[in-house]
Amino acid sequence: MRNQGSITRRQAQDILGVGQSRTLKILKKMTAEKLILQVGKGKNVEYHLNKVK
């Protein structure tokens, strides 16, 4: 994510080596903690690092 600037759910799933539902839980938790930002909706969702804490 740091190199590309964004990541999709599928890319995160491949990196983490877990299933879709576990990946979504992780991404939602990171979004709630404001570590990442969700951009887009549905199949077009990307996650970006939140540069502001």
PDB file of N, CA and C in Angstrom:
ATOM      1  N   MET A   1       0.837  -1.193   0.000  1.00  0.00           N
ATOM      2  CA  MET A   1       0.000   0.000   0.000  1.00  0.00           C
ATOM      3  C   MET A   1       0.873   1.245   0.000  1.00  0.00           C
ATOM      4  N   ARG A   2       1.961   1.209   0.716  1.00  0.00           N
ATOM      5  CA  ARG A   2       2.832   2.385   0.765  1.00  0.00           C
ATOM      6  C   ARG A   2       3.426   2.697  -0.597  1.00  0.00           C
ATOM      7  N   ASN A   3       3.745   1.668  -1.362  1.00  0.00           N
ATOM      8  CA  ASN A   3       4.340   1.878  -2.681  1.00  0.00           C
ATOM      9  C   ASN A   3       3.314   2.318  -3.703  1.00  0.00           C
ATOM     10  N   GLN A   4       2.135   1.691  -3.698  1.00  0.00           N
ATOM     11  CA  GLN A   4       1.106   1.983  -4.683  1.00  0.00           C
ATOM     12  C   GLN A   4       0.197   3.131  -4.267  1.00  0.00           C
ATOM     13  N   GLY A   5       0.044   3.341  -2.984  1.00  0.00           N
ATOM     14  CA  GLY A   5      -0.847   4.381  -2.501  1.00  0.00           C
ATOM     15  C   GLY A   5      -2.246   3.892  -2.208  1.00  0.00           C
ATOM     16  N   SER A   6      -2.612   2.726  -2.756  1.00  0.00           N
ATOM     17  CA  SER A   6      -3.943   2.176  -2.487  1.00  0.00           C
ATOM     18  C   SER A   6      -3.899   0.664  -2.645  1.00  0.00           C
ATOM     19  N   ILE A   7      -4.961   0.028  -2.158  1.00  0.00           N
ATOM     20  CA  ILE A   7      -5.067  -1.420  -2.246  1.00  0.00           C
ATOM     21  C   ILE A   7      -6.549  -1.786  -2.336  1.00  0.00           C
ATOM     22  N   THR A   8      -6.843  -2.851  -3.041  1.00  0.00           N
ATOM     23  CA  THR A   8      -8.213  -3.344  -3.116  1.00  0.00           C
ATOM     24  C   THR A   8      -8.401  -4.448  -2.071  1.00  0.00           C
ATOM     25  N   ARG A   9      -9.649  -4.825  -1.847  1.00  0.00           N
ATOM     26  CA  ARG A   9      -9.932  -5.911  -0.912  1.00  0.00           C
ATOM     27  C   ARG A   9      -9.267  -7.196  -1.378  1.00  0.00           C
ATOM     28  N   ARG A  10      -9.329  -7.457  -2.652  1.00  0.00           N
ATOM     29  CA  ARG A  10      -8.736  -8.681  -3.209  1.00  0.00           C
ATOM     30  C   ARG A  10      -7.219  -8.703  -3.014  1.00  0.00           C
ATOM     31  N   GLN A  11      -6.565  -7.569  -3.243  1.00  0.00           N
ATOM     32  CA  GLN A  11      -5.120  -7.503  -3.041  1.00  0.00           C
ATOM     33  C   GLN A  11      -4.774  -7.734  -1.576  1.00  0.00           C
ATOM     34  N   ALA A  12      -5.552  -7.138  -0.670  1.00  0.00           N
ATOM     35  CA  ALA A  12      -5.321  -7.329   0.767  1.00  0.00           C
ATOM     36  C   ALA A  12      -5.529  -8.793   1.131  1.00  0.00           C
ATOM     37  N   GLN A  13      -6.535  -9.415   0.568  1.00  0.00           N
ATOM     38  CA  GLN A  13      -6.831 -10.819   0.824  1.00  0.00           C
ATOM     39  C   GLN A  13      -5.655 -11.692   0.397  1.00  0.00           C
ATOM     40  N   ASP A  14      -5.100 -11.427  -0.764  1.00  0.00           N
ATOM     41  CA  ASP A  14      -3.961 -12.203  -1.263  1.00  0.00           C
ATOM     42  C   ASP A  14      -2.729 -12.009  -0.369  1.00  0.00           C
ATOM     43  N   ILE A  15      -2.491 -10.787   0.058  1.00  0.00           N
ATOM     44  CA  ILE A  15      -1.339 -10.482   0.911  1.00  0.00           C
ATOM     45  C   ILE A  15      -1.486 -11.137   2.279  1.00  0.00           C
ATOM     46  N   LEU A  16      -2.689 -11.039   2.850  1.00  0.00           N
ATOM     47  CA  LEU A  16      -2.925 -11.567   4.193  1.00  0.00           C
ATOM     48  C   LEU A  16      -3.068 -13.086   4.207  1.00  0.00           C
ATOM     49  N   GLY A  17      -3.482 -13.663   3.101  1.00  0.00           N
ATOM     50  CA  GLY A  17      -3.656 -15.102   3.027  1.00  0.00           C
ATOM     51  C   GLY A  17      -4.848 -15.605   3.823  1.00  0.00           C
ATOM     52  N   VAL A  18      -5.880 -14.773   3.928  1.00  0.00           N
ATOM     53  CA  VAL A  18      -7.101 -15.149   4.638  1.00  0.00           C
ATOM     54  C   VAL A  18      -8.287 -15.012   3.690  1.00  0.00           C
ATOM     55  N   GLY A  19      -9.450 -15.430   4.143  1.00  0.00           N
ATOM     56  CA  GLY A  19     -10.648 -15.373   3.314  1.00  0.00           C
ATOM     57  C   GLY A  19     -11.221 -13.971   3.177  1.00  0.00           C
ATOM     58  N   GLN A  20     -12.234 -13.870   2.338  1.00  0.00           N
ATOM     59  CA  GLN A  20     -12.863 -12.584   2.050  1.00  0.00           C
ATOM     60  C   GLN A  20     -13.493 -11.956   3.291  1.00  0.00           C
ATOM     61  N   SER A  21     -14.236 -12.738   4.070  1.00  0.00           N
ATOM     62  CA  SER A  21     -14.922 -12.161   5.231  1.00  0.00           C
ATOM     63  C   SER A  21     -13.927 -11.670   6.277  1.00  0.00           C
ATOM     64  N   ARG A  22     -12.856 -12.422   6.511  1.00  0.00           N
ATOM     65  CA  ARG A  22     -11.829 -11.989   7.485  1.00  0.00           C
ATOM     66  C   ARG A  22     -11.123 -10.738   6.989  1.00  0.00           C
ATOM     67  N   THR A  23     -10.841 -10.686   5.697  1.00  0.00           N
ATOM     68  CA  THR A  23     -10.199  -9.500   5.118  1.00  0.00           C
ATOM     69  C   THR A  23     -11.078  -8.277   5.295  1.00  0.00           C
ATOM     70  N   LEU A  24     -12.383  -8.415   5.041  1.00  0.00           N
ATOM     71  CA  LEU A  24     -13.301  -7.288   5.191  1.00  0.00           C
ATOM     72  C   LEU A  24     -13.363  -6.818   6.641  1.00  0.00           C
ATOM     73  N   LYS A  25     -13.345  -7.749   7.586  1.00  0.00           N
ATOM     74  CA  LYS A  25     -13.347  -7.373   9.010  1.00  0.00           C
ATOM     75  C   LYS A  25     -12.101  -6.571   9.362  1.00  0.00           C
ATOM     76  N   ILE A  26     -10.957  -7.006   8.857  1.00  0.00           N
ATOM     77  CA  ILE A  26      -9.696  -6.306   9.116  1.00  0.00           C
ATOM     78  C   ILE A  26      -9.732  -4.909   8.511  1.00  0.00           C
ATOM     79  N   LEU A  27     -10.177  -4.805   7.258  1.00  0.00           N
ATOM     80  CA  LEU A  27     -10.235  -3.504   6.587  1.00  0.00           C
ATOM     81  C   LEU A  27     -11.224  -2.568   7.277  1.00  0.00           C
ATOM     82  N   LYS A  28     -12.369  -3.095   7.717  1.00  0.00           N
ATOM     83  CA  LYS A  28     -13.358  -2.267   8.420  1.00  0.00           C
ATOM     84  C   LYS A  28     -12.799  -1.764   9.744  1.00  0.00           C
ATOM     85  N   LYS A  29     -12.081  -2.630  10.460  1.00  0.00           N
ATOM     86  CA  LYS A  29     -11.479  -2.216  11.730  1.00  0.00           C
ATOM     87  C   LYS A  29     -10.433  -1.138  11.498  1.00  0.00           C
ATOM     88  N   MET A  30      -9.605  -1.313  10.485  1.00  0.00           N
ATOM     89  CA  MET A  30      -8.577  -0.311  10.175  1.00  0.00           C
ATOM     90  C   MET A  30      -9.211   1.007   9.745  1.00  0.00           C
ATOM     91  N   THR A  31     -10.336   0.925   9.029  1.00  0.00           N
ATOM     92  CA  THR A  31     -11.059   2.132   8.624  1.00  0.00           C
ATOM     93  C   THR A  31     -11.652   2.829   9.849  1.00  0.00           C
ATOM     94  N   ALA A  32     -12.227   2.070  10.762  1.00  0.00           N
ATOM     95  CA  ALA A  32     -12.818   2.632  11.987  1.00  0.00           C
ATOM     96  C   ALA A  32     -11.754   3.301  12.855  1.00  0.00           C
ATOM     97  N   GLU A  33     -10.543   2.745  12.841  1.00  0.00           N
ATOM     98  CA  GLU A  33      -9.440   3.320  13.623  1.00  0.00           C
ATOM     99  C   GLU A  33      -8.721   4.439  12.881  1.00  0.00           C
ATOM    100  N   LYS A  34      -9.257   4.769  11.692  1.00  0.00           N
ATOM    101  CA  LYS A  34      -8.739   5.849  10.850  1.00  0.00           C
ATOM    102  C   LYS A  34      -7.295   5.627  10.402  1.00  0.00           C
ATOM    103  N   LEU A  35      -6.904   4.360  10.279  1.00  0.00           N
ATOM    104  CA  LEU A  35      -5.581   4.033   9.756  1.00  0.00           C
ATOM    105  C   LEU A  35      -5.585   4.086   8.232  1.00  0.00           C
ATOM    106  N   ILE A  36      -6.747   3.723   7.652  1.00  0.00           N
ATOM    107  CA  ILE A  36      -6.924   3.760   6.204  1.00  0.00           C
ATOM    108  C   ILE A  36      -8.247   4.441   5.882  1.00  0.00           C
ATOM    109  N   LEU A  37      -8.374   4.904   4.655  1.00  0.00           N
ATOM    110  CA  LEU A  37      -9.600   5.541   4.184  1.00  0.00           C
ATOM    111  C   LEU A  37     -10.213   4.690   3.080  1.00  0.00           C
ATOM    112  N   GLN A  38     -11.516   4.504   3.126  1.00  0.00           N
ATOM    113  CA  GLN A  38     -12.223   3.783   2.079  1.00  0.00           C
ATOM    114  C   GLN A  38     -12.654   4.772   1.021  1.00  0.00           C
ATOM    115  N   VAL A  39     -12.291   4.504  -0.228  1.00  0.00           N
ATOM    116  CA  VAL A  39     -12.635   5.386  -1.339  1.00  0.00           C
ATOM    117  C   VAL A  39     -13.413   4.576  -2.365  1.00  0.00           C
ATOM    118  N   GLY A  40     -14.593   5.051  -2.726  1.00  0.00           N
ATOM    119  CA  GLY A  40     -15.424   4.364  -3.697  1.00  0.00           C
ATOM    120  C   GLY A  40     -16.453   3.481  -3.016  1.00  0.00           C
ATOM    121  N   LYS A  41     -17.248   2.800  -3.851  1.00  0.00           N
ATOM    122  CA  LYS A  41     -18.295   1.921  -3.345  1.00  0.00           C
ATOM    123  C   LYS A  41     -18.368   0.666  -4.202  1.00  0.00           C
ATOM    124  N   GLY A  42     -18.910  -0.384  -3.591  1.00  0.00           N
ATOM    125  CA  GLY A  42     -19.104  -1.633  -4.315  1.00  0.00           C
ATOM    126  C   GLY A  42     -17.801  -2.231  -4.808  1.00  0.00           C
ATOM    127  N   LYS A  43     -17.803  -2.644  -6.061  1.00  0.00           N
ATOM    128  CA  LYS A  43     -16.626  -3.296  -6.643  1.00  0.00           C
ATOM    129  C   LYS A  43     -15.472  -2.326  -6.869  1.00  0.00           C
ATOM    130  N   ASN A  44     -15.738  -1.037  -6.780  1.00  0.00           N
ATOM    131  CA  ASN A  44     -14.708  -0.033  -7.047  1.00  0.00           C
ATOM    132  C   ASN A  44     -14.028   0.494  -5.795  1.00  0.00           C
ATOM    133  N   VAL A  45     -14.210  -0.160  -4.656  1.00  0.00           N
ATOM    134  CA  VAL A  45     -13.622   0.311  -3.400  1.00  0.00           C
ATOM    135  C   VAL A  45     -12.115   0.108  -3.407  1.00  0.00           C
ATOM    136  N   GLU A  46     -11.415   1.150  -2.989  1.00  0.00           N
ATOM    137  CA  GLU A  46      -9.978   1.084  -2.753  1.00  0.00           C
ATOM    138  C   GLU A  46      -9.731   1.617  -1.353  1.00  0.00           C
ATOM    139  N   TYR A  47      -8.652   1.185  -0.756  1.00  0.00           N
ATOM    140  CA  TYR A  47      -8.282   1.651   0.578  1.00  0.00           C
ATOM    141  C   TYR A  47      -6.954   2.385   0.466  1.00  0.00           C
ATOM    142  N   HIS A  48      -6.912   3.585   1.062  1.00  0.00           N
ATOM    143  CA  HIS A  48      -5.725   4.437   1.016  1.00  0.00           C
ATOM    144  C   HIS A  48      -5.223   4.664   2.445  1.00  0.00           C
ATOM    145  N   LEU A  49      -3.906   4.762   2.575  1.00  0.00           N
ATOM    146  CA  LEU A  49      -3.348   5.105   3.877  1.00  0.00           C
ATOM    147  C   LEU A  49      -3.833   6.477   4.291  1.00  0.00           C
ATOM    148  N   ASN A  50      -4.227   6.620   5.540  1.00  0.00           N
ATOM    149  CA  ASN A  50      -4.635   7.917   6.065  1.00  0.00           C
ATOM    150  C   ASN A  50      -3.382   8.637   6.541  1.00  0.00           C
ATOM    151  N   LYS A  51      -3.060   9.724   5.894  1.00  0.00           N
ATOM    152  CA  LYS A  51      -1.821  10.447   6.199  1.00  0.00           C
ATOM    153  C   LYS A  51      -1.973  11.347   7.420  1.00  0.00           C
ATOM    154  N   VAL A  52      -3.203  11.594   7.841  1.00  0.00           N
ATOM    155  CA  VAL A  52      -3.474  12.452   8.990  1.00  0.00           C
ATOM    156  C   VAL A  52      -3.991  11.589  10.126  1.00  0.00           C
ATOM    157  N   LYS A  53      -3.431  11.743  11.312  1.00  0.00           N
ATOM    158  CA  LYS A  53      -3.922  10.987  12.470  1.00  0.00           C
ATOM    159  C   LYS A  53      -4.617  11.889  13.430  1.00  0.00           C
TER     160      LYS A  53
END
